[in-house]
């Protein structure tokens, strides 16, 4: 897996869990500037310690991050998170209309 794929995977999982960049930085202890660089330059390498910190927050192992494997539990969590995010978006739209 390339640096770009790893970086993209981190943000895909974070998004699926409803975790934005600032809270991800805060919860993991990884600097916001590091995360911002990973988003703007996805080919940049991530420090191993930062990867471990991010994996802990995202609830995955380092091997799952690198291999791209998703266990059935993680798939269920991602599906539920996606559904909740869609529901949240719909509630926001309705709130604007009211």
C-alpha atoms as a PDB file:
ATOM      1  CA  UNK A   1       0.000   0.000   0.000  1.00  0.00           C
ATOM      2  CA  UNK A   2       1.371   3.434  -0.933  1.00  0.00           C
ATOM      3  CA  UNK A   3       1.635   6.493   1.328  1.00  0.00           C
ATOM      4  CA  UNK A   4      -1.213   8.037  -0.639  1.00  0.00           C
ATOM      5  CA  UNK A   5      -3.458   5.013  -0.102  1.00  0.00           C
ATOM      6  CA  UNK A   6      -2.675   4.930   3.626  1.00  0.00           C
ATOM      7  CA  UNK A   7      -3.387   8.649   4.026  1.00  0.00           C
ATOM      8  CA  UNK A   8      -6.626   8.373   2.063  1.00  0.00           C
ATOM      9  CA  UNK A   9      -7.684   5.360   4.113  1.00  0.00           C
ATOM     10  CA  UNK A  10      -7.134   7.240   7.380  1.00  0.00           C
ATOM     11  CA  UNK A  11      -9.431  10.054   6.277  1.00  0.00           C
ATOM     12  CA  UNK A  12     -12.013   7.688   4.770  1.00  0.00           C
ATOM     13  CA  UNK A  13     -12.292   5.799   8.055  1.00  0.00           C
ATOM     14  CA  UNK A  14     -12.392   9.041  10.041  1.00  0.00           C
ATOM     15  CA  UNK A  15     -15.169  10.349   7.785  1.00  0.00           C
ATOM     16  CA  UNK A  16     -17.105   7.096   8.123  1.00  0.00           C
ATOM     17  CA  UNK A  17     -16.895   7.488  11.882  1.00  0.00           C
ATOM     18  CA  UNK A  18     -17.962  11.118  11.715  1.00  0.00           C
ATOM     19  CA  UNK A  19     -14.603  12.424  12.938  1.00  0.00           C
ATOM     20  CA  UNK A  20     -13.424  15.648  11.330  1.00  0.00           C
ATOM     21  CA  UNK A  21      -9.787  16.745  11.110  1.00  0.00           C
ATOM     22  CA  UNK A  22      -9.625  19.042  14.167  1.00  0.00           C
ATOM     23  CA  UNK A  23     -11.207  16.497  16.553  1.00  0.00           C
ATOM     24  CA  UNK A  24      -9.043  13.743  15.026  1.00  0.00           C
ATOM     25  CA  UNK A  25      -5.939  15.795  15.803  1.00  0.00           C
ATOM     26  CA  UNK A  26      -7.133  16.491  19.318  1.00  0.00           C
ATOM     27  CA  UNK A  27      -8.147  12.910  20.130  1.00  0.00           C
ATOM     28  CA  UNK A  28      -5.027  11.326  18.633  1.00  0.00           C
ATOM     29  CA  UNK A  29      -2.373  13.812  19.688  1.00  0.00           C
ATOM     30  CA  UNK A  30      -1.255  14.106  16.069  1.00  0.00           C
ATOM     31  CA  UNK A  31      -0.758  17.738  15.120  1.00  0.00           C
ATOM     32  CA  UNK A  32      -3.382  19.426  12.978  1.00  0.00           C
ATOM     33  CA  UNK A  33      -0.605  20.608  10.652  1.00  0.00           C
ATOM     34  CA  UNK A  34       0.462  16.989  10.116  1.00  0.00           C
ATOM     35  CA  UNK A  35      -3.090  15.948   9.246  1.00  0.00           C
ATOM     36  CA  UNK A  36      -3.531  18.988   7.022  1.00  0.00           C
ATOM     37  CA  UNK A  37      -0.316  18.111   5.149  1.00  0.00           C
ATOM     38  CA  UNK A  38      -1.542  14.524   4.724  1.00  0.00           C
ATOM     39  CA  UNK A  39      -4.747  15.847   3.133  1.00  0.00           C
ATOM     40  CA  UNK A  40      -3.088  18.420   0.895  1.00  0.00           C
ATOM     41  CA  UNK A  41      -0.154  16.216  -0.100  1.00  0.00           C
ATOM     42  CA  UNK A  42      -1.453  12.660   0.121  1.00  0.00           C
ATOM     43  CA  UNK A  43       1.819  11.226  -1.217  1.00  0.00           C
ATOM     44  CA  UNK A  44       3.661  12.452   1.895  1.00  0.00           C
ATOM     45  CA  UNK A  45       4.879   9.809   4.311  1.00  0.00           C
ATOM     46  CA  UNK A  46       3.259   9.445   7.713  1.00  0.00           C
ATOM     47  CA  UNK A  47       5.361   8.899  10.821  1.00  0.00           C
ATOM     48  CA  UNK A  48       4.860   5.416  12.289  1.00  0.00           C
ATOM     49  CA  UNK A  49       4.039   6.774  15.755  1.00  0.00           C
ATOM     50  CA  UNK A  50       1.426   9.119  14.263  1.00  0.00           C
ATOM     51  CA  UNK A  51      -0.081   6.211  12.337  1.00  0.00           C
ATOM     52  CA  UNK A  52      -0.363   4.176  15.545  1.00  0.00           C
ATOM     53  CA  UNK A  53      -2.017   7.103  17.359  1.00  0.00           C
ATOM     54  CA  UNK A  54      -4.526   7.582  14.534  1.00  0.00           C
ATOM     55  CA  UNK A  55      -5.297   3.857  14.393  1.00  0.00           C
ATOM     56  CA  UNK A  56      -6.128   3.854  18.103  1.00  0.00           C
ATOM     57  CA  UNK A  57      -8.626   6.675  17.674  1.00  0.00           C
ATOM     58  CA  UNK A  58     -10.130   5.075  14.568  1.00  0.00           C
ATOM     59  CA  UNK A  59     -10.457   1.695  16.253  1.00  0.00           C
ATOM     60  CA  UNK A  60      -8.338  -0.240  13.791  1.00  0.00           C
ATOM     61  CA  UNK A  61      -4.988  -1.982  14.007  1.00  0.00           C
ATOM     62  CA  UNK A  62      -1.912  -0.797  12.170  1.00  0.00           C
ATOM     63  CA  UNK A  63      -1.982  -3.998  10.117  1.00  0.00           C
ATOM     64  CA  UNK A  64      -5.590  -3.271   9.071  1.00  0.00           C
ATOM     65  CA  UNK A  65      -4.554   0.228   8.012  1.00  0.00           C
ATOM     66  CA  UNK A  66      -1.639  -1.023   5.940  1.00  0.00           C
ATOM     67  CA  UNK A  67      -3.323  -4.093   4.465  1.00  0.00           C
ATOM     68  CA  UNK A  68      -6.615  -2.358   3.739  1.00  0.00           C
ATOM     69  CA  UNK A  69      -8.493  -5.288   5.282  1.00  0.00           C
ATOM     70  CA  UNK A  70     -11.742  -4.582   7.028  1.00  0.00           C
ATOM     71  CA  UNK A  71     -13.230  -7.051   9.451  1.00  0.00           C
ATOM     72  CA  UNK A  72     -17.013  -7.623   9.518  1.00  0.00           C
ATOM     73  CA  UNK A  73     -17.393  -5.537  12.697  1.00  0.00           C
ATOM     74  CA  UNK A  74     -15.670  -2.582  11.066  1.00  0.00           C
ATOM     75  CA  UNK A  75     -17.876  -2.923   7.990  1.00  0.00           C
ATOM     76  CA  UNK A  76     -20.974  -2.790  10.201  1.00  0.00           C
ATOM     77  CA  UNK A  77     -19.646   0.270  12.055  1.00  0.00           C
ATOM     78  CA  UNK A  78     -18.907   2.019   8.767  1.00  0.00           C
ATOM     79  CA  UNK A  79     -22.393   1.269   7.448  1.00  0.00           C
ATOM     80  CA  UNK A  80     -24.052   2.552  10.632  1.00  0.00           C
ATOM     81  CA  UNK A  81     -21.835   5.659  10.661  1.00  0.00           C
ATOM     82  CA  UNK A  82     -22.664   6.382   7.035  1.00  0.00           C
ATOM     83  CA  UNK A  83     -26.385   6.030   7.734  1.00  0.00           C
ATOM     84  CA  UNK A  84     -26.147   8.320  10.762  1.00  0.00           C
ATOM     85  CA  UNK A  85     -24.210  10.912   8.760  1.00  0.00           C
ATOM     86  CA  UNK A  86     -26.879  10.843   6.042  1.00  0.00           C
ATOM     87  CA  UNK A  87     -29.597  11.207   8.678  1.00  0.00           C
ATOM     88  CA  UNK A  88     -27.725  14.148  10.231  1.00  0.00           C
ATOM     89  CA  UNK A  89     -27.497  15.840   6.830  1.00  0.00           C
ATOM     90  CA  UNK A  90     -31.237  15.383   6.298  1.00  0.00           C
ATOM     91  CA  UNK A  91     -32.025  16.829   9.722  1.00  0.00           C
ATOM     92  CA  UNK A  92     -29.835  19.857   8.960  1.00  0.00           C
ATOM     93  CA  UNK A  93     -31.661  20.384   5.670  1.00  0.00           C
ATOM     94  CA  UNK A  94     -35.045  20.168   7.394  1.00  0.00           C
ATOM     95  CA  UNK A  95     -33.901  22.567  10.099  1.00  0.00           C
ATOM     96  CA  UNK A  96     -32.967  25.134   7.452  1.00  0.00           C
ATOM     97  CA  UNK A  97     -36.370  24.777   5.824  1.00  0.00           C
ATOM     98  CA  UNK A  98     -38.274  25.331   9.082  1.00  0.00           C
END
